[in-house]
Amino acid sequence: MKSCLLACGILSLSAAAFAAPDKNLLALAEAHKPAFIEELKTLVNIDSGTDDAKGLGQVEQLLATRLKELGANVDILAAPPAAGKVVVGTLEGSGTKSFMLMIHYDTVFSPGDAAKRPFRMDGNKAYGPGVADAKGGAAMIIHGLQMLKERSNRQYKRITVVFNPDEEKSSLGSRAVITRLAPDHDYVFSYEPPEKENVAVATNGIAYVHLNVKGKASHAGSAPEQGRNAAIELANQLVQLKDLGNPAKGTTVNWTVLQSGEKVNIIPDSAKATADMRMSDLTEIERVQRDASAIVQKKLIPETEVTVRVENRRPPFSKNPASDKLATVAQTIYQELGQSLTPVSMRFGTDAGFAYQGNGKPAVLETMGIVGERIHSADEFADLDSIVPRLYLTVRMIETLSQSVPD
């Protein structure tokens, strides 16, 4: 019943007329742009790779301080095995609708990269390690909340902010926090960067397929026949397992990492490979495990042992009616600005998969962050022209949805 009322409430909002922009809100977003850029510069110029405890600690303290300045109650939660901690901020309001805004503050980059490639601007683009993924998202949350405060808007019941330190390594430590907090909210916005002006209503899940072969070592020159070549058997299995994906369901399985042998003159007694698996249907994990286990029974090299295991790293954020309706509200708000916003399903995996509960509550929307491209590369950039409309979207979504039909 709650999920039905939630969806109906969102649908009624999407049918409302949002003909003209909120001029005061738009002006406020424009006024925040310079401070947003300075905040982004500060964040980008701190190295915070997933394993960089020192840098993560610096960003953690910066974000915690900013949340406290906004009046939030802040908790710092350990998230082993993560090198950093989860920053959780809570703002209490007077309404009936609860929101969770979340994004990670770790990056894929290494210590020293910020010094080598500090924040810089070139026209409407900003460059630097993690400028879009996802420090632009962290700045978006902070300044969106600052704008709400400046508008004296407390019509929400609660806003919870989650900044986590380990998304780039599957959120192994922080996923439990996200999964625990999300069901207590009506809406979850995740601030990963879109490549265009869009919002994601679905993302893929991620799994790893681990293939291991055990053989027998022997001298490669004087007694190769006494060995059982694990590398050859691995190659055989990779050929057999190359079609584990399912194009009809959007499932992909790509073998990307291979390891075998240490010395040229030794027949390798072990070999292993790992595949990247993406899926929109969680049941595909069981299907791939079942199919792979059957396939590896056929061996080329006798007396070798072959095992295969599928490891679920991140569940999918599956396409669902509640998120579709939430995207419709976002589209209508963007129309106020004379711009279009496209709902899309993304092939990558994000923490939205941990927030999504599969039953309509919370309603989840992904890629609410700054627009950016060339993610995870030295050429990663953020589109500075997207700051104002994206700030407008965050605040307008919270204000509009806070007025929706109570549960």
Protein backbone atom coordinates (compact mmCIF):
# COMPACT_ATOMS: atom_id res chain seq x y z
CA MET A 1 0.00 0.00 0.00
CA LYS A 2 2.82 2.42 0.89
CA SER A 3 4.56 1.86 -2.43
CA CYS A 4 1.27 2.39 -4.29
CA LEU A 5 0.58 5.66 -2.48
CA LEU A 6 4.14 6.77 -3.08
CA ALA A 7 3.91 6.09 -6.81
CA CYS A 8 0.50 7.75 -7.07
CA GLY A 9 1.80 10.80 -5.23
CA ILE A 10 4.75 11.12 -7.57
CA LEU A 11 2.52 10.67 -10.61
CA SER A 12 0.22 13.46 -9.49
CA LEU A 13 3.21 15.75 -9.11
CA SER A 14 4.46 14.93 -12.59
CA ALA A 15 1.10 15.93 -14.02
CA ALA A 16 1.25 19.34 -12.36
CA ALA A 17 2.06 22.41 -14.41
CA PHE A 18 5.63 23.64 -13.91
CA ALA A 19 5.42 26.30 -16.59
CA ALA A 20 7.89 28.89 -15.32
CA PRO A 21 11.06 28.53 -13.27
CA ASP A 22 11.27 29.57 -9.66
CA LYS A 23 13.17 32.79 -10.34
CA ASN A 24 14.40 33.16 -6.78
CA LEU A 25 15.73 29.61 -6.72
CA LEU A 26 17.38 30.00 -10.11
CA ALA A 27 19.07 33.22 -8.99
CA LEU A 28 20.26 31.49 -5.83
CA ALA A 29 21.72 28.61 -7.84
CA GLU A 30 23.56 31.09 -10.07
CA ALA A 31 24.87 32.91 -7.00
CA HIS A 32 26.21 29.62 -5.61
CA LYS A 33 28.17 28.70 -8.72
CA PRO A 34 31.43 30.51 -7.79
CA ALA A 35 31.45 29.00 -4.28
CA PHE A 36 30.61 25.60 -5.74
CA ILE A 37 33.64 25.81 -8.02
CA GLU A 38 35.90 26.77 -5.12
CA GLU A 39 34.55 23.87 -3.06
CA LEU A 40 35.15 21.54 -5.98
CA LYS A 41 38.70 22.83 -6.35
CA THR A 42 39.42 22.15 -2.68
CA LEU A 43 38.09 18.60 -2.91
CA VAL A 44 39.87 17.75 -6.16
CA ASN A 45 43.22 18.97 -4.87
CA ILE A 46 43.18 16.38 -2.09
CA ASP A 47 44.19 12.87 -3.15
CA SER A 48 41.56 10.42 -1.92
CA GLY A 49 42.08 7.13 -3.69
CA THR A 50 40.20 4.22 -2.14
CA ASP A 51 43.32 2.98 -0.31
CA ASP A 52 44.69 6.41 0.63
CA ALA A 53 43.83 6.61 4.34
CA LYS A 54 45.48 10.00 4.82
CA GLY A 55 43.72 11.70 1.94
CA LEU A 56 40.39 10.07 2.71
CA GLY A 57 40.70 11.33 6.27
CA GLN A 58 41.22 14.89 5.05
CA VAL A 59 38.17 14.80 2.80
CA GLU A 60 36.14 13.11 5.53
CA GLN A 61 36.86 15.96 7.95
CA LEU A 62 36.13 18.59 5.33
CA LEU A 63 32.74 17.08 4.48
CA ALA A 64 31.85 16.51 8.14
CA THR A 65 32.66 20.14 8.92
CA ARG A 66 30.52 21.40 6.05
CA LEU A 67 27.57 19.29 7.18
CA LYS A 68 27.88 20.59 10.74
CA GLU A 69 27.91 24.15 9.39
CA LEU A 70 24.57 23.35 7.76
CA GLY A 71 23.15 22.29 11.12
CA ALA A 72 23.36 18.54 10.60
CA ASN A 73 24.02 15.97 13.28
CA VAL A 74 27.08 14.10 12.03
CA ASP A 75 28.24 10.56 12.72
CA ILE A 76 31.56 9.15 11.51
CA LEU A 77 31.28 5.39 11.04
CA ALA A 78 34.12 2.91 10.62
CA ALA A 79 33.65 0.74 7.54
CA PRO A 80 36.22 -2.06 7.52
CA PRO A 81 37.94 -3.09 5.32
CA ALA A 82 37.69 0.44 3.88
CA ALA A 83 40.64 2.76 4.52
CA GLY A 84 38.25 5.64 5.13
CA LYS A 85 35.06 6.15 7.11
CA VAL A 86 31.43 6.82 6.26
CA VAL A 87 30.20 10.34 6.99
CA VAL A 88 26.48 10.41 7.85
CA GLY A 89 24.74 13.73 8.36
CA THR A 90 21.11 14.16 9.43
CA LEU A 91 18.88 17.21 9.13
CA GLU A 92 15.45 17.15 10.78
CA GLY A 93 12.53 19.05 9.30
CA SER A 94 8.82 19.51 9.94
CA GLY A 95 7.28 17.57 7.05
CA THR A 96 6.36 13.98 6.23
CA LYS A 97 8.82 12.97 3.49
CA SER A 98 12.35 11.69 4.07
CA PHE A 99 15.27 11.94 1.64
CA MET A 100 18.66 10.28 1.48
CA LEU A 101 21.37 11.98 -0.60
CA MET A 102 24.48 9.89 -1.16
CA ILE A 103 27.78 9.81 -3.02
CA HIS A 104 31.27 8.45 -2.54
CA TYR A 105 34.34 10.60 -1.91
CA ASP A 106 37.01 8.12 -2.95
CA THR A 107 38.54 8.11 -6.43
CA VAL A 108 40.42 5.64 -8.63
CA PHE A 109 43.53 7.82 -8.65
CA SER A 110 46.87 7.45 -6.85
CA PRO A 111 48.70 9.53 -4.23
CA GLY A 112 50.46 12.40 -5.95
CA ASP A 113 48.02 12.68 -8.86
CA ALA A 114 46.41 15.81 -7.43
CA ALA A 115 49.82 17.51 -7.31
CA LYS A 116 50.59 16.41 -10.86
CA ARG A 117 47.18 17.37 -12.24
CA PRO A 118 45.63 19.94 -9.89
CA PHE A 119 42.21 21.42 -10.48
CA ARG A 120 42.09 23.65 -13.53
CA MET A 121 39.44 25.21 -15.73
CA ASP A 122 39.38 25.52 -19.48
CA GLY A 123 36.28 27.32 -20.69
CA ASN A 124 33.24 25.56 -19.29
CA LYS A 125 35.20 22.46 -18.28
CA ALA A 126 36.99 21.66 -15.03
CA TYR A 127 39.73 19.04 -14.87
CA GLY A 128 41.42 17.12 -12.07
CA PRO A 129 41.37 13.72 -10.32
CA GLY A 130 37.79 12.81 -9.46
CA VAL A 131 36.40 16.18 -10.55
CA ALA A 132 33.23 14.53 -11.84
CA ASP A 133 33.45 11.08 -10.25
CA ALA A 134 32.45 11.98 -7.73
CA LYS A 135 33.70 15.11 -6.00
CA GLY A 136 31.34 17.14 -8.13
CA GLY A 137 28.55 15.08 -6.60
CA ALA A 138 29.73 15.83 -3.06
CA ALA A 139 29.81 19.55 -3.83
CA MET A 140 26.33 19.27 -5.36
CA ILE A 141 24.91 17.82 -2.16
CA ILE A 142 26.61 20.38 0.09
CA HIS A 143 25.49 23.38 -1.94
CA GLY A 144 22.01 22.02 -2.54
CA LEU A 145 21.54 21.75 1.22
CA GLN A 146 23.04 25.20 1.72
CA MET A 147 20.46 26.59 -0.71
CA LEU A 148 17.63 24.85 1.16
CA LYS A 149 18.88 26.43 4.37
CA GLU A 150 19.06 29.87 2.80
CA ARG A 151 15.47 29.45 1.61
CA SER A 152 14.48 28.53 5.20
CA ASN A 153 12.90 25.38 3.83
CA ARG A 154 12.36 22.61 6.37
CA GLN A 155 9.22 21.05 4.86
CA TYR A 156 10.91 17.67 4.67
CA LYS A 157 10.75 15.18 7.55
CA ARG A 158 14.42 14.24 7.39
CA ILE A 159 17.36 14.53 5.05
CA THR A 160 20.15 12.01 5.53
CA VAL A 161 23.47 12.51 3.75
CA VAL A 162 25.82 9.58 3.20
CA PHE A 163 29.39 10.16 2.00
CA ASN A 164 31.19 6.81 1.65
CA PRO A 165 34.91 6.12 1.10
CA ASP A 166 35.05 2.90 -0.91
CA GLU A 167 32.65 2.89 -3.87
CA GLU A 168 35.46 2.43 -6.36
CA LYS A 169 36.14 -0.96 -4.77
CA SER A 170 32.54 -2.16 -4.57
CA SER A 171 31.72 -0.40 -1.27
CA LEU A 172 32.73 -3.50 0.67
CA GLY A 173 32.78 -1.62 3.97
CA SER A 174 30.00 0.92 3.45
CA ARG A 175 27.35 -1.12 1.65
CA ALA A 176 25.83 -2.26 4.95
CA VAL A 177 25.32 1.37 6.02
CA ILE A 178 23.56 2.23 2.76
CA THR A 179 21.39 -0.89 2.88
CA ARG A 180 20.44 -0.20 6.50
CA LEU A 181 19.58 3.48 6.08
CA ALA A 182 17.83 3.49 2.70
CA PRO A 183 14.53 1.78 3.73
CA ASP A 184 13.85 4.52 6.28
CA HIS A 185 13.48 7.09 3.48
CA ASP A 186 10.91 7.82 0.82
CA TYR A 187 13.45 8.95 -1.77
CA VAL A 188 17.12 8.28 -2.43
CA PHE A 189 19.16 10.48 -4.77
CA SER A 190 22.63 9.27 -5.75
CA TYR A 191 25.05 11.80 -7.19
CA GLU A 192 27.17 9.89 -9.68
CA PRO A 193 27.98 11.98 -12.78
CA PRO A 194 25.88 11.61 -15.92
CA GLU A 195 27.65 11.99 -19.26
CA LYS A 196 24.77 14.03 -20.65
CA GLU A 197 21.78 15.82 -19.19
CA ASN A 198 20.07 12.68 -17.96
CA VAL A 199 19.09 10.78 -14.85
CA ALA A 200 19.49 7.03 -14.43
CA VAL A 201 16.44 4.94 -13.59
CA ALA A 202 18.43 1.69 -13.59
CA THR A 203 22.03 0.53 -13.35
CA ASN A 204 23.69 -2.82 -13.85
CA GLY A 205 24.88 -5.05 -11.09
CA ILE A 206 28.50 -6.22 -10.98
CA ALA A 207 29.92 -9.66 -10.32
CA TYR A 208 33.33 -11.26 -10.74
CA VAL A 209 33.75 -14.74 -12.19
CA HIS A 210 36.83 -16.45 -10.74
CA LEU A 211 38.36 -19.36 -12.69
CA ASN A 212 41.14 -21.41 -11.07
CA VAL A 213 43.15 -24.29 -12.51
CA LYS A 214 45.47 -26.55 -10.53
CA GLY A 215 48.03 -28.60 -12.49
CA LYS A 216 51.44 -30.12 -11.81
CA ALA A 217 54.83 -28.44 -12.11
CA SER A 218 57.74 -29.94 -14.01
CA HIS A 219 60.90 -28.87 -15.83
CA ALA A 220 59.82 -27.35 -19.13
CA GLY A 221 62.95 -28.53 -20.94
CA SER A 222 63.92 -31.93 -19.55
CA ALA A 223 60.57 -33.37 -18.41
CA PRO A 224 57.59 -31.41 -19.73
CA GLU A 225 55.56 -34.61 -20.14
CA GLN A 226 55.65 -35.12 -16.36
CA GLY A 227 53.84 -31.83 -15.83
CA ARG A 228 50.18 -30.90 -16.15
CA ASN A 229 50.12 -27.47 -17.75
CA ALA A 230 47.63 -25.29 -15.89
CA ALA A 231 48.09 -22.44 -18.38
CA ILE A 232 47.00 -24.59 -21.32
CA GLU A 233 43.97 -25.80 -19.40
CA LEU A 234 43.12 -22.23 -18.47
CA ALA A 235 43.23 -21.26 -22.15
CA ASN A 236 40.96 -24.19 -22.98
CA GLN A 237 38.44 -23.15 -20.35
CA LEU A 238 38.45 -19.52 -21.44
CA VAL A 239 37.50 -20.55 -24.96
CA GLN A 240 34.72 -22.75 -23.59
CA LEU A 241 33.46 -20.00 -21.27
CA LYS A 242 33.56 -17.12 -23.75
CA ASP A 243 29.79 -17.12 -24.32
CA LEU A 244 28.51 -17.05 -20.73
CA GLY A 245 26.75 -13.73 -21.33
CA ASN A 246 23.13 -13.35 -22.37
CA PRO A 247 22.58 -10.48 -24.86
CA ALA A 248 18.80 -10.79 -24.58
CA LYS A 249 18.99 -9.98 -20.86
CA GLY A 250 21.85 -7.50 -21.16
CA THR A 251 24.23 -9.80 -19.28
CA THR A 252 27.90 -9.52 -20.23
CA VAL A 253 30.82 -11.68 -19.09
CA ASN A 254 34.26 -10.51 -20.24
CA TRP A 255 37.51 -12.23 -19.22
CA THR A 256 39.94 -9.45 -18.36
CA VAL A 257 42.68 -10.65 -15.97
CA LEU A 258 44.84 -13.76 -16.52
CA GLN A 259 47.72 -15.06 -14.41
CA SER A 260 49.95 -18.14 -14.73
CA GLY A 261 53.56 -19.09 -14.20
CA GLU A 262 56.57 -17.26 -12.82
CA LYS A 263 59.52 -18.81 -14.66
CA VAL A 264 59.94 -19.67 -18.32
CA ASN A 265 61.52 -23.06 -17.64
CA ILE A 266 58.77 -24.43 -15.37
CA ILE A 267 55.48 -25.97 -16.51
CA PRO A 268 52.98 -23.91 -14.46
CA ASP A 269 51.09 -25.78 -11.75
CA SER A 270 48.47 -23.07 -11.33
CA ALA A 271 46.61 -20.55 -13.42
CA LYS A 272 43.69 -18.24 -12.82
CA ALA A 273 41.51 -15.74 -14.61
CA THR A 274 38.86 -13.24 -13.58
CA ALA A 275 35.93 -11.99 -15.63
CA ASP A 276 33.90 -8.82 -15.27
CA MET A 277 30.19 -9.64 -15.24
CA ARG A 278 27.40 -7.07 -15.63
CA MET A 279 23.71 -7.86 -15.26
CA SER A 280 20.35 -6.17 -14.79
CA ASP A 281 18.72 -9.34 -13.45
CA LEU A 282 20.14 -10.69 -10.18
CA THR A 283 19.08 -14.25 -11.05
CA GLU A 284 21.70 -14.21 -13.80
CA ILE A 285 24.36 -14.80 -11.14
CA GLU A 286 22.87 -18.20 -10.35
CA ARG A 287 22.48 -18.99 -14.05
CA VAL A 288 26.10 -18.12 -14.87
CA GLN A 289 27.36 -20.14 -11.89
CA ARG A 290 25.31 -23.13 -12.97
CA ASP A 291 26.34 -22.95 -16.64
CA ALA A 292 30.02 -22.35 -15.88
CA SER A 293 30.20 -25.20 -13.39
CA ALA A 294 28.88 -27.58 -16.03
CA ILE A 295 31.16 -26.30 -18.79
CA VAL A 296 34.43 -26.65 -16.84
CA GLN A 297 33.87 -30.38 -16.42
CA LYS A 298 35.18 -30.80 -19.98
CA LYS A 299 38.98 -30.59 -19.73
CA LEU A 300 41.78 -30.68 -22.28
CA ILE A 301 44.66 -31.51 -19.91
CA PRO A 302 44.04 -34.66 -17.86
CA GLU A 303 44.62 -34.68 -14.11
CA THR A 304 44.07 -30.96 -13.76
CA GLU A 305 41.53 -29.50 -11.31
CA VAL A 306 39.26 -26.68 -12.45
CA THR A 307 36.95 -24.59 -10.25
CA VAL A 308 34.77 -21.60 -11.06
CA ARG A 309 33.02 -19.22 -8.67
CA VAL A 310 30.77 -16.21 -9.25
CA GLU A 311 31.18 -13.44 -6.67
CA ASN A 312 28.35 -10.90 -6.37
CA ARG A 313 30.02 -7.52 -5.95
CA ARG A 314 27.14 -5.09 -6.42
CA PRO A 315 23.42 -5.77 -7.01
CA PRO A 316 21.60 -4.11 -9.90
CA PHE A 317 19.36 -1.10 -9.44
CA SER A 318 16.61 -2.60 -11.57
CA LYS A 319 14.22 -0.61 -13.70
CA ASN A 320 11.00 -0.04 -11.76
CA PRO A 321 7.83 2.11 -11.85
CA ALA A 322 8.69 4.26 -8.80
CA SER A 323 12.01 5.40 -10.27
CA ASP A 324 10.39 6.00 -13.67
CA LYS A 325 7.81 8.27 -12.07
CA LEU A 326 10.51 10.06 -10.07
CA ALA A 327 12.38 10.70 -13.31
CA THR A 328 9.21 12.19 -14.79
CA VAL A 329 9.13 14.73 -11.96
CA ALA A 330 12.77 15.57 -12.68
CA GLN A 331 12.01 15.99 -16.38
CA THR A 332 9.15 18.35 -15.60
CA ILE A 333 11.38 20.44 -13.34
CA TYR A 334 14.05 20.68 -16.03
CA GLN A 335 11.37 21.92 -18.44
CA GLU A 336 10.99 24.93 -16.17
CA LEU A 337 14.51 25.87 -17.25
CA GLY A 338 13.76 25.29 -20.91
CA GLN A 339 15.96 22.20 -20.89
CA SER A 340 15.36 18.51 -21.48
CA LEU A 341 16.35 15.64 -19.23
CA THR A 342 16.47 12.04 -20.44
CA PRO A 343 15.84 8.99 -18.22
CA VAL A 344 18.35 6.26 -19.06
CA SER A 345 19.46 2.81 -17.94
CA MET A 346 23.21 2.72 -17.31
CA ARG A 347 25.53 -0.21 -17.96
CA PHE A 348 27.80 0.60 -15.03
CA GLY A 349 27.12 -0.38 -11.42
CA THR A 350 26.70 2.08 -8.53
CA ASP A 351 25.68 2.24 -4.89
CA ALA A 352 22.10 2.80 -6.05
CA GLY A 353 21.98 -1.00 -6.20
CA PHE A 354 22.41 -1.15 -2.42
CA ALA A 355 19.76 1.53 -1.82
CA TYR A 356 17.17 -0.04 -4.11
CA GLN A 357 14.93 -2.40 -2.14
CA GLY A 358 12.84 -3.79 -5.01
CA ASN A 359 9.46 -2.70 -3.65
CA GLY A 360 9.00 0.95 -4.65
CA LYS A 361 10.25 2.42 -1.38
CA PRO A 362 12.55 4.14 -1.37
CA ALA A 363 12.15 5.51 -4.87
CA VAL A 364 15.71 5.78 -6.18
CA LEU A 365 17.18 8.12 -8.78
CA GLU A 366 20.81 7.96 -9.92
CA THR A 367 23.20 10.39 -11.70
CA MET A 368 21.98 13.51 -9.93
CA GLY A 369 25.56 14.83 -9.88
CA ILE A 370 27.50 17.19 -12.10
CA VAL A 371 27.69 16.29 -15.79
CA GLY A 372 31.09 14.84 -16.71
CA GLU A 373 32.94 12.70 -19.21
CA ARG A 374 36.11 10.61 -19.65
CA ILE A 375 35.59 9.22 -16.17
CA HIS A 376 38.53 7.37 -14.56
CA SER A 377 41.04 8.89 -16.98
CA ALA A 378 43.61 11.67 -16.78
CA ASP A 379 41.28 13.64 -19.06
CA GLU A 380 38.23 13.40 -16.77
CA PHE A 381 36.29 16.65 -16.77
CA ALA A 382 33.17 18.21 -15.29
CA ASP A 383 30.83 20.47 -17.25
CA LEU A 384 30.63 23.69 -15.25
CA ASP A 385 27.54 24.77 -17.21
CA SER A 386 25.63 21.96 -15.50
CA ILE A 387 26.17 23.33 -11.98
CA VAL A 388 23.24 25.75 -11.96
CA PRO A 389 20.57 23.48 -13.47
CA ARG A 390 21.69 20.55 -11.34
CA LEU A 391 21.57 22.60 -8.13
CA TYR A 392 18.14 23.83 -9.16
CA LEU A 393 17.05 20.24 -9.77
CA THR A 394 18.19 18.99 -6.35
CA VAL A 395 16.47 21.75 -4.40
CA ARG A 396 13.33 21.75 -6.53
CA MET A 397 13.00 17.96 -6.25
CA ILE A 398 13.22 18.08 -2.46
CA GLU A 399 10.80 20.98 -2.17
CA THR A 400 8.30 19.50 -4.64
CA LEU A 401 8.36 15.95 -3.30
CA SER A 402 8.07 17.21 0.28
CA GLN A 403 4.59 18.42 -0.67
CA SER A 404 3.44 15.08 -2.15
CA VAL A 405 0.65 12.92 -0.76
CA PRO A 406 1.43 11.55 2.74
CA ASP A 407 1.70 7.76 3.18
